[in-house]
Amino acid sequence: MHGAIELSSGQAVDDRPFTDIAHNPDDLGAMQRILASLGMLVSQPLAWPEPPQQLIIRGDNDGKVVRVVVSQRNVLAGDAPRFVVGFFGHRRPGLDTTILNAVDDDLIHEFPLQPGVLSYSSFELDDGNYVNVVLMEGPEARDHWRTSSRHTYAARDLAPEFYVHIRLQNAVLPRGLAHPEELRLVATKYYDYREAPPWRARRALE
C-alpha cells in the first residue's frame, strides 16, 4: 500500500473515527457470521453447477439485500487455510448506484477468470451500508485480482465517488469454512475519500 500511513496497533486518528480499532470486534463478528452461513450453504446437497459456472443466489433477509456467489464449491469445502477480505464502506447519501451495481455484477461474472477467488458474499446492514466478504485460496489471489481492469476502475474511480470512507479487513481462516470461529484479523486498510487524493492508512494486527 504505497504512500499509506502506517498506524501502530492501538493508534487513534483524530477526526477519522472509522479507523478506531473498536470497530474490529464487530467487523470480525460480521465476517464470521457470513462465513458460517456460507459454510452451511456449501454443505447443502444442491444441484451445483460445474466450474467455471457459478452459483449465484440473490434474496433478502428480514428485508435486507443478500447476495452470495460460489465459484468453486469443492475447493471451498476443504479445510486448507484461506485468505479473507472484508469490505466495510460508508456510502455517500442520495446517489444513484446503478453504475456501481453494474460494475459489481461485472466483477462477479469475472471471478471464473480469477481462479483463486472462491466466493463473494454481500449483506445489507441496518444502516443501509453493506459488508462484502471475499474468500480466496491465498493472498496471491488478491494480488492477481488487482490486475483486473474492472477492479481497478471500481477502486480508483467509483469508490471515491460513492463512498465517504472504507475499511478493508484482511483476515485468515486457518482451517477453512468448517471453523469460521477461528477467523482472525491480520491487517486493516483505511481509505478516506473526503479529501483528494484520498487519505490512506494501514494497520498491522499481528
N, C-alpha and C. Protein backbone atom coordinates (compact mmCIF):
# COMPACT_ATOMS: atom_id res chain seq x y z
N MET A 1 0.85 -1.19 0.00
CA MET A 1 0.00 0.00 0.00
C MET A 1 0.89 1.23 0.00
N HIS A 2 1.48 1.54 -1.15
CA HIS A 2 2.48 2.59 -1.29
C HIS A 2 1.89 3.95 -0.93
N GLY A 3 2.59 4.70 -0.10
CA GLY A 3 2.17 6.04 0.26
C GLY A 3 1.20 6.11 1.41
N ALA A 4 0.81 4.97 1.97
CA ALA A 4 -0.13 4.96 3.08
C ALA A 4 0.59 5.18 4.40
N ILE A 5 -0.12 5.75 5.36
CA ILE A 5 0.40 5.93 6.71
C ILE A 5 0.36 4.59 7.44
N GLU A 6 1.43 4.27 8.15
CA GLU A 6 1.47 3.05 8.95
C GLU A 6 1.05 3.39 10.38
N LEU A 7 -0.05 2.79 10.81
CA LEU A 7 -0.55 3.02 12.16
C LEU A 7 -0.08 1.93 13.10
N SER A 8 0.18 2.29 14.34
CA SER A 8 0.53 1.29 15.34
C SER A 8 -0.73 0.55 15.78
N SER A 9 -0.58 -0.49 16.59
CA SER A 9 -1.69 -1.38 16.90
C SER A 9 -2.87 -0.68 17.55
N GLY A 10 -2.61 0.32 18.39
CA GLY A 10 -3.72 0.99 19.07
C GLY A 10 -3.81 2.47 18.78
N GLN A 11 -3.11 2.93 17.77
CA GLN A 11 -3.03 4.36 17.49
C GLN A 11 -4.38 4.93 17.03
N ALA A 12 -4.79 6.03 17.65
CA ALA A 12 -6.02 6.72 17.26
C ALA A 12 -5.70 7.80 16.23
N VAL A 13 -6.69 8.09 15.38
CA VAL A 13 -6.53 9.12 14.36
C VAL A 13 -7.62 10.16 14.55
N ASP A 14 -7.22 11.38 14.84
CA ASP A 14 -8.18 12.45 15.07
C ASP A 14 -9.05 12.68 13.84
N ASP A 15 -10.34 12.88 14.05
CA ASP A 15 -11.31 13.20 13.00
C ASP A 15 -11.54 12.07 12.01
N ARG A 16 -11.06 10.87 12.31
CA ARG A 16 -11.31 9.72 11.44
C ARG A 16 -11.76 8.54 12.31
N PRO A 17 -12.93 8.65 12.91
CA PRO A 17 -13.37 7.61 13.85
C PRO A 17 -13.57 6.26 13.21
N PHE A 18 -13.73 6.19 11.90
CA PHE A 18 -13.90 4.88 11.26
C PHE A 18 -12.64 4.04 11.34
N THR A 19 -11.50 4.66 11.70
CA THR A 19 -10.26 3.91 11.85
C THR A 19 -10.06 3.34 13.26
N ASP A 20 -10.96 3.63 14.17
CA ASP A 20 -10.81 3.19 15.56
C ASP A 20 -10.81 1.66 15.62
N ILE A 21 -9.86 1.09 16.36
CA ILE A 21 -9.80 -0.37 16.46
C ILE A 21 -10.99 -0.94 17.22
N ALA A 22 -11.79 -0.07 17.83
CA ALA A 22 -13.00 -0.55 18.49
C ALA A 22 -13.99 -1.16 17.50
N HIS A 23 -13.83 -0.85 16.20
CA HIS A 23 -14.69 -1.44 15.18
C HIS A 23 -14.32 -2.90 14.89
N ASN A 24 -13.11 -3.29 15.23
CA ASN A 24 -12.63 -4.61 14.82
C ASN A 24 -13.46 -5.78 15.35
N PRO A 25 -13.86 -5.79 16.62
CA PRO A 25 -14.67 -6.93 17.09
C PRO A 25 -15.98 -7.08 16.32
N ASP A 26 -16.66 -5.95 16.02
CA ASP A 26 -17.90 -6.04 15.26
C ASP A 26 -17.65 -6.49 13.82
N ASP A 27 -16.57 -5.97 13.22
CA ASP A 27 -16.23 -6.39 11.86
C ASP A 27 -15.94 -7.88 11.82
N LEU A 28 -15.14 -8.33 12.78
CA LEU A 28 -14.79 -9.75 12.84
C LEU A 28 -16.04 -10.60 13.03
N GLY A 29 -16.93 -10.18 13.91
CA GLY A 29 -18.15 -10.94 14.16
C GLY A 29 -19.02 -11.02 12.92
N ALA A 30 -19.15 -9.92 12.20
CA ALA A 30 -19.95 -9.92 10.96
C ALA A 30 -19.36 -10.87 9.94
N MET A 31 -18.04 -10.85 9.78
CA MET A 31 -17.39 -11.74 8.83
C MET A 31 -17.55 -13.20 9.23
N GLN A 32 -17.44 -13.48 10.52
CA GLN A 32 -17.61 -14.87 11.00
C GLN A 32 -19.03 -15.37 10.73
N ARG A 33 -20.02 -14.52 10.94
CA ARG A 33 -21.41 -14.94 10.69
C ARG A 33 -21.64 -15.20 9.21
N ILE A 34 -21.08 -14.37 8.37
CA ILE A 34 -21.22 -14.57 6.93
C ILE A 34 -20.55 -15.87 6.50
N LEU A 35 -19.36 -16.13 7.02
CA LEU A 35 -18.66 -17.36 6.66
C LEU A 35 -19.38 -18.59 7.20
N ALA A 36 -19.99 -18.48 8.37
CA ALA A 36 -20.76 -19.60 8.91
C ALA A 36 -21.95 -19.90 8.01
N SER A 37 -22.63 -18.87 7.53
CA SER A 37 -23.76 -19.07 6.62
C SER A 37 -23.29 -19.66 5.30
N LEU A 38 -22.14 -19.20 4.82
CA LEU A 38 -21.58 -19.74 3.59
C LEU A 38 -21.24 -21.22 3.75
N GLY A 39 -20.66 -21.58 4.91
CA GLY A 39 -20.34 -22.97 5.16
C GLY A 39 -21.57 -23.85 5.15
N MET A 40 -22.67 -23.36 5.72
CA MET A 40 -23.91 -24.12 5.71
C MET A 40 -24.43 -24.30 4.28
N LEU A 41 -24.32 -23.25 3.47
CA LEU A 41 -24.76 -23.33 2.08
C LEU A 41 -23.95 -24.35 1.30
N VAL A 42 -22.64 -24.29 1.46
CA VAL A 42 -21.75 -25.19 0.71
C VAL A 42 -22.01 -26.65 1.06
N SER A 43 -22.47 -26.90 2.28
CA SER A 43 -22.72 -28.28 2.72
C SER A 43 -24.05 -28.84 2.21
N GLN A 44 -24.88 -28.00 1.61
CA GLN A 44 -26.20 -28.44 1.17
C GLN A 44 -26.12 -29.28 -0.12
N PRO A 45 -26.97 -30.30 -0.23
CA PRO A 45 -26.96 -31.16 -1.44
C PRO A 45 -27.75 -30.53 -2.59
N LEU A 46 -27.31 -29.35 -3.02
CA LEU A 46 -27.98 -28.66 -4.11
C LEU A 46 -27.49 -29.19 -5.45
N ALA A 47 -28.16 -28.77 -6.50
CA ALA A 47 -27.70 -29.09 -7.85
C ALA A 47 -26.65 -28.06 -8.23
N TRP A 48 -25.42 -28.32 -7.82
CA TRP A 48 -24.35 -27.35 -8.02
C TRP A 48 -23.88 -27.34 -9.46
N PRO A 49 -23.66 -26.15 -10.03
CA PRO A 49 -23.15 -26.07 -11.40
C PRO A 49 -21.69 -26.50 -11.45
N GLU A 50 -21.29 -26.96 -12.61
CA GLU A 50 -19.90 -27.35 -12.81
C GLU A 50 -19.06 -26.12 -13.14
N PRO A 51 -17.84 -26.03 -12.61
CA PRO A 51 -16.97 -24.92 -12.97
C PRO A 51 -16.74 -24.92 -14.49
N PRO A 52 -16.59 -23.74 -15.12
CA PRO A 52 -16.43 -22.42 -14.49
C PRO A 52 -17.74 -21.70 -14.18
N GLN A 53 -18.87 -22.38 -14.27
CA GLN A 53 -20.13 -21.74 -13.92
C GLN A 53 -20.18 -21.47 -12.42
N GLN A 54 -20.98 -20.46 -12.06
CA GLN A 54 -21.08 -20.05 -10.66
C GLN A 54 -22.50 -20.31 -10.14
N LEU A 55 -22.58 -20.50 -8.85
CA LEU A 55 -23.87 -20.48 -8.17
C LEU A 55 -24.07 -19.07 -7.63
N ILE A 56 -25.11 -18.38 -8.10
CA ILE A 56 -25.39 -17.02 -7.66
C ILE A 56 -26.76 -17.01 -7.01
N ILE A 57 -26.81 -16.59 -5.76
CA ILE A 57 -28.06 -16.54 -5.00
C ILE A 57 -28.33 -15.09 -4.63
N ARG A 58 -29.51 -14.63 -4.99
CA ARG A 58 -29.95 -13.29 -4.61
C ARG A 58 -31.23 -13.42 -3.80
N GLY A 59 -31.33 -12.69 -2.72
CA GLY A 59 -32.53 -12.76 -1.90
C GLY A 59 -32.54 -11.67 -0.87
N ASP A 60 -33.28 -11.90 0.20
CA ASP A 60 -33.32 -10.91 1.27
C ASP A 60 -33.44 -11.63 2.60
N ASN A 61 -33.01 -10.94 3.62
CA ASN A 61 -33.06 -11.46 4.99
C ASN A 61 -33.67 -10.36 5.85
N ASP A 62 -34.94 -10.56 6.25
CA ASP A 62 -35.65 -9.53 7.01
C ASP A 62 -35.67 -8.20 6.27
N GLY A 63 -35.86 -8.28 4.94
CA GLY A 63 -35.94 -7.08 4.14
C GLY A 63 -34.62 -6.51 3.70
N LYS A 64 -33.50 -7.12 4.11
CA LYS A 64 -32.18 -6.67 3.73
C LYS A 64 -31.65 -7.49 2.55
N VAL A 65 -30.95 -6.81 1.64
CA VAL A 65 -30.44 -7.48 0.44
C VAL A 65 -29.31 -8.44 0.80
N VAL A 66 -29.37 -9.62 0.21
CA VAL A 66 -28.33 -10.63 0.40
C VAL A 66 -27.93 -11.17 -0.97
N ARG A 67 -26.63 -11.31 -1.18
CA ARG A 67 -26.16 -11.93 -2.42
C ARG A 67 -24.96 -12.81 -2.09
N VAL A 68 -24.99 -14.02 -2.60
CA VAL A 68 -23.89 -14.97 -2.37
C VAL A 68 -23.49 -15.58 -3.71
N VAL A 69 -22.20 -15.59 -3.98
CA VAL A 69 -21.67 -16.17 -5.21
C VAL A 69 -20.62 -17.21 -4.84
N VAL A 70 -20.80 -18.42 -5.34
CA VAL A 70 -19.85 -19.50 -5.09
C VAL A 70 -19.25 -19.90 -6.43
N SER A 71 -17.93 -19.77 -6.54
CA SER A 71 -17.26 -20.10 -7.80
C SER A 71 -16.67 -21.51 -7.79
N GLN A 72 -16.19 -21.96 -6.63
CA GLN A 72 -15.52 -23.26 -6.57
C GLN A 72 -15.95 -23.99 -5.30
N ARG A 73 -17.09 -24.64 -5.36
CA ARG A 73 -17.63 -25.28 -4.17
C ARG A 73 -16.70 -26.35 -3.62
N ASN A 74 -16.13 -27.20 -4.48
CA ASN A 74 -15.28 -28.29 -4.00
C ASN A 74 -14.06 -27.78 -3.25
N VAL A 75 -13.50 -26.67 -3.75
CA VAL A 75 -12.34 -26.10 -3.07
C VAL A 75 -12.77 -25.46 -1.75
N LEU A 76 -13.93 -24.80 -1.77
CA LEU A 76 -14.44 -24.16 -0.56
C LEU A 76 -14.65 -25.16 0.57
N ALA A 77 -15.09 -26.36 0.20
CA ALA A 77 -15.42 -27.36 1.21
C ALA A 77 -14.20 -27.94 1.91
N GLY A 78 -13.01 -27.65 1.41
CA GLY A 78 -11.80 -28.19 2.01
C GLY A 78 -11.44 -27.49 3.30
N ASP A 79 -10.44 -28.04 4.01
CA ASP A 79 -10.05 -27.49 5.30
C ASP A 79 -8.70 -26.79 5.26
N ALA A 80 -8.25 -26.42 4.05
CA ALA A 80 -6.98 -25.71 3.93
C ALA A 80 -7.13 -24.26 4.39
N PRO A 81 -6.04 -23.63 4.80
CA PRO A 81 -6.11 -22.21 5.19
C PRO A 81 -6.61 -21.35 4.03
N ARG A 82 -7.39 -20.33 4.37
CA ARG A 82 -7.94 -19.42 3.37
C ARG A 82 -7.65 -17.98 3.76
N PHE A 83 -7.66 -17.12 2.75
CA PHE A 83 -7.47 -15.69 2.95
C PHE A 83 -8.81 -15.00 2.73
N VAL A 84 -9.16 -14.06 3.61
CA VAL A 84 -10.47 -13.43 3.57
C VAL A 84 -10.30 -11.91 3.60
N VAL A 85 -11.10 -11.23 2.77
CA VAL A 85 -11.14 -9.77 2.78
C VAL A 85 -12.56 -9.33 3.11
N GLY A 86 -12.69 -8.47 4.10
CA GLY A 86 -13.98 -7.90 4.46
C GLY A 86 -14.02 -6.42 4.12
N PHE A 87 -15.04 -6.01 3.39
CA PHE A 87 -15.21 -4.64 2.93
C PHE A 87 -16.31 -3.97 3.75
N PHE A 88 -15.97 -2.88 4.43
CA PHE A 88 -16.92 -2.12 5.22
C PHE A 88 -16.86 -0.67 4.74
N GLY A 89 -17.86 -0.27 3.96
CA GLY A 89 -17.85 1.07 3.39
C GLY A 89 -19.04 1.90 3.84
N HIS A 90 -18.83 3.19 3.98
CA HIS A 90 -19.91 4.13 4.32
C HIS A 90 -20.25 4.92 3.07
N ARG A 91 -21.45 4.64 2.51
CA ARG A 91 -21.83 5.26 1.24
C ARG A 91 -22.23 6.72 1.41
N ARG A 92 -21.99 7.48 0.34
CA ARG A 92 -22.48 8.85 0.29
C ARG A 92 -23.99 8.80 0.05
N PRO A 93 -24.76 9.59 0.78
CA PRO A 93 -26.22 9.51 0.66
C PRO A 93 -26.73 10.15 -0.63
N GLY A 94 -27.87 9.64 -1.09
CA GLY A 94 -28.60 10.28 -2.17
C GLY A 94 -28.07 10.07 -3.57
N LEU A 95 -27.17 9.12 -3.79
CA LEU A 95 -26.60 8.91 -5.11
C LEU A 95 -27.28 7.73 -5.81
N ASP A 96 -27.39 7.83 -7.12
CA ASP A 96 -27.90 6.73 -7.94
C ASP A 96 -26.78 5.70 -8.07
N THR A 97 -27.00 4.50 -7.54
CA THR A 97 -25.93 3.48 -7.52
C THR A 97 -26.03 2.50 -8.68
N THR A 98 -26.74 2.86 -9.74
CA THR A 98 -26.91 1.94 -10.87
C THR A 98 -25.58 1.49 -11.44
N ILE A 99 -24.67 2.44 -11.69
CA ILE A 99 -23.38 2.08 -12.28
C ILE A 99 -22.54 1.27 -11.30
N LEU A 100 -22.64 1.60 -10.02
CA LEU A 100 -21.89 0.85 -9.00
C LEU A 100 -22.34 -0.60 -8.97
N ASN A 101 -23.65 -0.82 -9.03
CA ASN A 101 -24.18 -2.18 -9.02
C ASN A 101 -23.82 -2.92 -10.30
N ALA A 102 -23.81 -2.21 -11.43
CA ALA A 102 -23.48 -2.84 -12.70
C ALA A 102 -22.02 -3.30 -12.72
N VAL A 103 -21.13 -2.47 -12.22
CA VAL A 103 -19.72 -2.86 -12.17
C VAL A 103 -19.51 -4.00 -11.18
N ASP A 104 -20.26 -3.99 -10.09
CA ASP A 104 -20.20 -5.10 -9.13
C ASP A 104 -20.59 -6.41 -9.80
N ASP A 105 -21.65 -6.37 -10.60
CA ASP A 105 -22.08 -7.57 -11.34
C ASP A 105 -20.99 -8.02 -12.31
N ASP A 106 -20.36 -7.07 -12.99
CA ASP A 106 -19.28 -7.41 -13.93
C ASP A 106 -18.13 -8.09 -13.21
N LEU A 107 -17.78 -7.58 -12.04
CA LEU A 107 -16.69 -8.18 -11.27
C LEU A 107 -17.02 -9.60 -10.85
N ILE A 108 -18.28 -9.82 -10.45
CA ILE A 108 -18.70 -11.15 -10.04
C ILE A 108 -18.60 -12.14 -11.19
N HIS A 109 -19.05 -11.74 -12.36
CA HIS A 109 -19.01 -12.65 -13.51
C HIS A 109 -17.59 -12.84 -14.04
N GLU A 110 -16.67 -12.02 -13.55
CA GLU A 110 -15.26 -12.15 -13.93
C GLU A 110 -14.53 -13.15 -13.04
N PHE A 111 -15.14 -13.53 -11.92
CA PHE A 111 -14.47 -14.42 -10.97
C PHE A 111 -13.90 -15.70 -11.60
N PRO A 112 -14.60 -16.34 -12.56
CA PRO A 112 -14.01 -17.54 -13.15
C PRO A 112 -12.65 -17.31 -13.80
N LEU A 113 -12.36 -16.06 -14.15
CA LEU A 113 -11.04 -15.72 -14.69
C LEU A 113 -10.03 -15.47 -13.58
N GLN A 114 -10.50 -15.48 -12.33
CA GLN A 114 -9.64 -15.29 -11.17
C GLN A 114 -9.70 -16.58 -10.35
N PRO A 115 -8.89 -17.59 -10.71
CA PRO A 115 -9.06 -18.92 -10.13
C PRO A 115 -8.93 -19.00 -8.62
N GLY A 116 -8.27 -18.06 -8.01
CA GLY A 116 -8.11 -18.12 -6.56
C GLY A 116 -9.25 -17.50 -5.78
N VAL A 117 -10.20 -16.85 -6.49
CA VAL A 117 -11.36 -16.26 -5.83
C VAL A 117 -12.44 -17.33 -5.71
N LEU A 118 -12.78 -17.71 -4.49
CA LEU A 118 -13.67 -18.85 -4.26
C LEU A 118 -15.12 -18.44 -4.03
N SER A 119 -15.33 -17.31 -3.36
CA SER A 119 -16.72 -16.90 -3.08
C SER A 119 -16.77 -15.41 -2.77
N TYR A 120 -17.98 -14.89 -2.92
CA TYR A 120 -18.26 -13.49 -2.63
C TYR A 120 -19.61 -13.42 -1.94
N SER A 121 -19.69 -12.73 -0.82
CA SER A 121 -20.95 -12.57 -0.09
C SER A 121 -21.17 -11.11 0.22
N SER A 122 -22.41 -10.64 0.03
CA SER A 122 -22.75 -9.25 0.28
C SER A 122 -24.03 -9.19 1.10
N PHE A 123 -23.99 -8.50 2.23
CA PHE A 123 -25.13 -8.38 3.13
C PHE A 123 -25.38 -6.91 3.43
N GLU A 124 -26.64 -6.50 3.31
CA GLU A 124 -27.02 -5.14 3.65
C GLU A 124 -27.18 -5.03 5.16
N LEU A 125 -26.61 -3.97 5.73
CA LEU A 125 -26.69 -3.73 7.16
C LEU A 125 -27.90 -2.86 7.49
N ASP A 126 -28.18 -2.71 8.76
CA ASP A 126 -29.35 -1.95 9.19
C ASP A 126 -29.27 -0.49 8.76
N ASP A 127 -28.07 0.06 8.61
CA ASP A 127 -27.92 1.47 8.24
C ASP A 127 -27.93 1.69 6.74
N GLY A 128 -28.16 0.62 5.96
CA GLY A 128 -28.20 0.74 4.51
C GLY A 128 -26.87 0.54 3.83
N ASN A 129 -25.79 0.46 4.61
CA ASN A 129 -24.49 0.13 4.04
C ASN A 129 -24.37 -1.39 3.90
N TYR A 130 -23.28 -1.84 3.29
CA TYR A 130 -23.09 -3.25 3.02
C TYR A 130 -21.77 -3.73 3.61
N VAL A 131 -21.75 -5.00 3.99
CA VAL A 131 -20.50 -5.69 4.28
C VAL A 131 -20.32 -6.74 3.19
N ASN A 132 -19.17 -6.70 2.54
CA ASN A 132 -18.84 -7.66 1.50
C ASN A 132 -17.67 -8.51 1.96
N VAL A 133 -17.77 -9.81 1.77
CA VAL A 133 -16.71 -10.72 2.19
C VAL A 133 -16.29 -11.57 0.99
N VAL A 134 -15.01 -11.55 0.69
CA VAL A 134 -14.45 -12.35 -0.40
C VAL A 134 -13.52 -13.39 0.20
N LEU A 135 -13.72 -14.64 -0.15
CA LEU A 135 -12.88 -15.73 0.35
C LEU A 135 -12.00 -16.23 -0.79
N MET A 136 -10.70 -16.32 -0.54
CA MET A 136 -9.72 -16.67 -1.57
C MET A 136 -8.82 -17.79 -1.08
N GLU A 137 -8.18 -18.43 -2.04
CA GLU A 137 -7.24 -19.50 -1.68
C GLU A 137 -6.04 -18.96 -0.92
N GLY A 138 -5.61 -17.76 -1.24
CA GLY A 138 -4.46 -17.18 -0.55
C GLY A 138 -4.28 -15.74 -0.97
N PRO A 139 -3.36 -15.00 -0.34
CA PRO A 139 -3.16 -13.58 -0.67
C PRO A 139 -2.73 -13.36 -2.10
N GLU A 140 -2.11 -14.37 -2.72
CA GLU A 140 -1.70 -14.21 -4.12
C GLU A 140 -2.91 -14.06 -5.03
N ALA A 141 -4.04 -14.65 -4.66
CA ALA A 141 -5.28 -14.48 -5.44
C ALA A 141 -5.75 -13.04 -5.39
N ARG A 142 -5.61 -12.41 -4.22
CA ARG A 142 -5.96 -10.99 -4.10
C ARG A 142 -5.09 -10.15 -5.01
N ASP A 143 -3.79 -10.43 -5.04
CA ASP A 143 -2.88 -9.67 -5.88
C ASP A 143 -3.22 -9.84 -7.35
N HIS A 144 -3.62 -11.06 -7.75
CA HIS A 144 -3.98 -11.30 -9.15
C HIS A 144 -5.27 -10.57 -9.49
N TRP A 145 -6.22 -10.55 -8.56
CA TRP A 145 -7.49 -9.86 -8.80
C TRP A 145 -7.27 -8.37 -9.05
N ARG A 146 -6.26 -7.82 -8.41
CA ARG A 146 -5.96 -6.40 -8.58
C ARG A 146 -5.53 -6.06 -10.00
N THR A 147 -5.12 -7.06 -10.78
CA THR A 147 -4.73 -6.81 -12.16
C THR A 147 -5.94 -6.62 -13.07
N SER A 148 -7.14 -6.90 -12.58
CA SER A 148 -8.36 -6.74 -13.36
C SER A 148 -8.62 -5.26 -13.63
N SER A 149 -8.89 -4.92 -14.88
CA SER A 149 -9.19 -3.52 -15.22
C SER A 149 -10.49 -3.07 -14.57
N ARG A 150 -11.47 -3.98 -14.43
CA ARG A 150 -12.73 -3.61 -13.77
C ARG A 150 -12.51 -3.32 -12.29
N HIS A 151 -11.69 -4.16 -11.65
CA HIS A 151 -11.39 -3.93 -10.24
C HIS A 151 -10.67 -2.60 -10.05
N THR A 152 -9.73 -2.30 -10.94
CA THR A 152 -9.00 -1.03 -10.87
C THR A 152 -9.95 0.14 -11.03
N TYR A 153 -10.88 0.03 -11.98
CA TYR A 153 -11.85 1.10 -12.22
C TYR A 153 -12.73 1.30 -10.99
N ALA A 154 -13.20 0.20 -10.39
CA ALA A 154 -14.06 0.31 -9.22
C ALA A 154 -13.32 0.95 -8.05
N ALA A 155 -12.07 0.54 -7.82
CA ALA A 155 -11.32 1.04 -6.67
C ALA A 155 -10.83 2.47 -6.87
N ARG A 156 -10.40 2.78 -8.09
CA ARG A 156 -9.79 4.09 -8.33
C ARG A 156 -10.82 5.18 -8.64
N ASP A 157 -11.84 4.84 -9.44
CA ASP A 157 -12.77 5.85 -9.94
C ASP A 157 -14.12 5.87 -9.22
N LEU A 158 -14.68 4.69 -8.95
CA LEU A 158 -16.02 4.65 -8.37
C LEU A 158 -16.02 4.83 -6.86
N ALA A 159 -15.05 4.21 -6.18
CA ALA A 159 -15.04 4.28 -4.71
C ALA A 159 -15.03 5.72 -4.19
N PRO A 160 -14.18 6.61 -4.72
CA PRO A 160 -14.21 7.99 -4.21
C PRO A 160 -15.53 8.69 -4.47
N GLU A 161 -16.23 8.31 -5.53
CA GLU A 161 -17.49 8.96 -5.87
C GLU A 161 -18.63 8.50 -4.97
N PHE A 162 -18.63 7.22 -4.60
CA PHE A 162 -19.78 6.65 -3.92
C PHE A 162 -19.58 6.42 -2.42
N TYR A 163 -18.35 6.53 -1.94
CA TYR A 163 -18.10 6.24 -0.52
C TYR A 163 -17.44 7.43 0.17
N VAL A 164 -17.81 7.61 1.43
CA VAL A 164 -17.15 8.60 2.28
C VAL A 164 -15.84 8.02 2.78
N HIS A 165 -15.90 6.80 3.26
CA HIS A 165 -14.69 6.11 3.71
C HIS A 165 -14.91 4.60 3.62
N ILE A 166 -13.80 3.88 3.64
CA ILE A 166 -13.82 2.42 3.52
C ILE A 166 -12.83 1.83 4.51
N ARG A 167 -13.23 0.71 5.08
CA ARG A 167 -12.32 -0.07 5.94
C ARG A 167 -12.23 -1.47 5.35
N LEU A 168 -11.04 -1.90 5.00
CA LEU A 168 -10.82 -3.25 4.47
C LEU A 168 -10.12 -4.09 5.52
N GLN A 169 -10.77 -5.17 5.90
CA GLN A 169 -10.19 -6.08 6.89
C GLN A 169 -9.60 -7.29 6.17
N ASN A 170 -8.31 -7.49 6.34
CA ASN A 170 -7.64 -8.68 5.82
C ASN A 170 -7.55 -9.70 6.94
N ALA A 171 -7.94 -10.93 6.63
CA ALA A 171 -8.02 -11.95 7.68
C ALA A 171 -7.61 -13.30 7.12
N VAL A 172 -7.34 -14.24 8.03
CA VAL A 172 -7.03 -15.61 7.63
C VAL A 172 -7.99 -16.56 8.33
N LEU A 173 -8.32 -17.63 7.64
CA LEU A 173 -9.20 -18.68 8.15
C LEU A 173 -8.37 -19.96 8.16
N PRO A 174 -7.78 -20.31 9.30
CA PRO A 174 -6.76 -21.37 9.33
C PRO A 174 -7.23 -22.74 8.85
N ARG A 175 -8.50 -23.10 9.16
CA ARG A 175 -8.95 -24.46 8.81
C ARG A 175 -10.22 -24.45 7.96
N GLY A 176 -10.39 -23.43 7.18
CA GLY A 176 -11.49 -23.41 6.23
C GLY A 176 -12.85 -23.11 6.84
N LEU A 177 -13.88 -23.26 5.99
CA LEU A 177 -15.24 -22.87 6.36
C LEU A 177 -15.83 -23.67 7.51
N ALA A 178 -15.30 -24.84 7.78
CA ALA A 178 -15.83 -25.64 8.87
C ALA A 178 -15.56 -25.01 10.23
N HIS A 179 -14.67 -24.03 10.28
CA HIS A 179 -14.29 -23.41 11.55
C HIS A 179 -14.26 -21.89 11.41
N PRO A 180 -15.40 -21.26 11.11
CA PRO A 180 -15.42 -19.81 10.94
C PRO A 180 -15.06 -19.05 12.21
N GLU A 181 -15.25 -19.69 13.36
CA GLU A 181 -14.93 -19.03 14.63
C GLU A 181 -13.43 -18.79 14.79
N GLU A 182 -12.62 -19.45 13.96
CA GLU A 182 -11.18 -19.29 14.05
C GLU A 182 -10.66 -18.13 13.19
N LEU A 183 -11.56 -17.46 12.48
CA LEU A 183 -11.14 -16.33 11.66
C LEU A 183 -10.44 -15.29 12.53
N ARG A 184 -9.32 -14.78 12.04
CA ARG A 184 -8.63 -13.74 12.79
C ARG A 184 -8.16 -12.64 11.83
N LEU A 185 -8.24 -11.42 12.30
CA LEU A 185 -7.82 -10.27 11.51
C LEU A 185 -6.30 -10.14 11.57
N VAL A 186 -5.70 -9.84 10.42
CA VAL A 186 -4.24 -9.70 10.38
C VAL A 186 -3.80 -8.28 10.01
N ALA A 187 -4.66 -7.54 9.32
CA ALA A 187 -4.31 -6.17 8.94
C ALA A 187 -5.57 -5.44 8.51
N THR A 188 -5.57 -4.12 8.66
CA THR A 188 -6.69 -3.29 8.23
C THR A 188 -6.15 -2.17 7.35
N LYS A 189 -6.87 -1.90 6.26
CA LYS A 189 -6.55 -0.78 5.38
C LYS A 189 -7.70 0.21 5.44
N TYR A 190 -7.35 1.49 5.43
CA TYR A 190 -8.34 2.55 5.56
C TYR A 190 -8.22 3.52 4.39
N TYR A 191 -9.37 3.96 3.89
CA TYR A 191 -9.42 4.94 2.82
C TYR A 191 -10.44 6.01 3.19
N ASP A 192 -10.03 7.27 3.19
CA ASP A 192 -10.91 8.39 3.49
C ASP A 192 -11.01 9.25 2.24
N TYR A 193 -12.21 9.29 1.64
CA TYR A 193 -12.42 9.98 0.38
C TYR A 193 -12.97 11.39 0.57
N ARG A 194 -12.91 11.91 1.77
CA ARG A 194 -13.35 13.28 2.00
C ARG A 194 -12.34 14.29 1.50
N GLU A 195 -11.19 13.82 1.06
CA GLU A 195 -10.17 14.70 0.51
C GLU A 195 -9.55 14.04 -0.71
N ALA A 196 -8.91 14.83 -1.54
CA ALA A 196 -8.28 14.31 -2.74
C ALA A 196 -6.83 14.81 -2.80
N PRO A 197 -5.88 13.89 -3.01
CA PRO A 197 -6.08 12.44 -3.12
C PRO A 197 -6.55 11.85 -1.80
N PRO A 198 -7.11 10.65 -1.83
CA PRO A 198 -7.64 10.06 -0.60
C PRO A 198 -6.57 9.88 0.47
N TRP A 199 -6.99 10.06 1.72
CA TRP A 199 -6.13 9.71 2.85
C TRP A 199 -6.14 8.20 2.99
N ARG A 200 -4.97 7.60 3.15
CA ARG A 200 -4.87 6.13 3.25
C ARG A 200 -3.98 5.76 4.43
N ALA A 201 -4.32 4.66 5.04
CA ALA A 201 -3.52 4.17 6.16
C ALA A 201 -3.64 2.65 6.23
N ARG A 202 -2.68 2.05 6.92
CA ARG A 202 -2.68 0.60 7.12
C ARG A 202 -2.27 0.31 8.56
N ARG A 203 -2.90 -0.72 9.13
CA ARG A 203 -2.56 -1.13 10.49
C ARG A 203 -2.33 -2.63 10.52
N ALA A 204 -1.13 -3.07 10.88
CA ALA A 204 -0.85 -4.49 11.07
C ALA A 204 -1.39 -4.90 12.43
N LEU A 205 -2.07 -6.05 12.45
CA LEU A 205 -2.69 -6.52 13.69
C LEU A 205 -1.98 -7.73 14.27
N GLU A 206 -1.06 -8.31 13.51
CA GLU A 206 -0.23 -9.40 14.05
C GLU A 206 1.02 -9.52 13.20
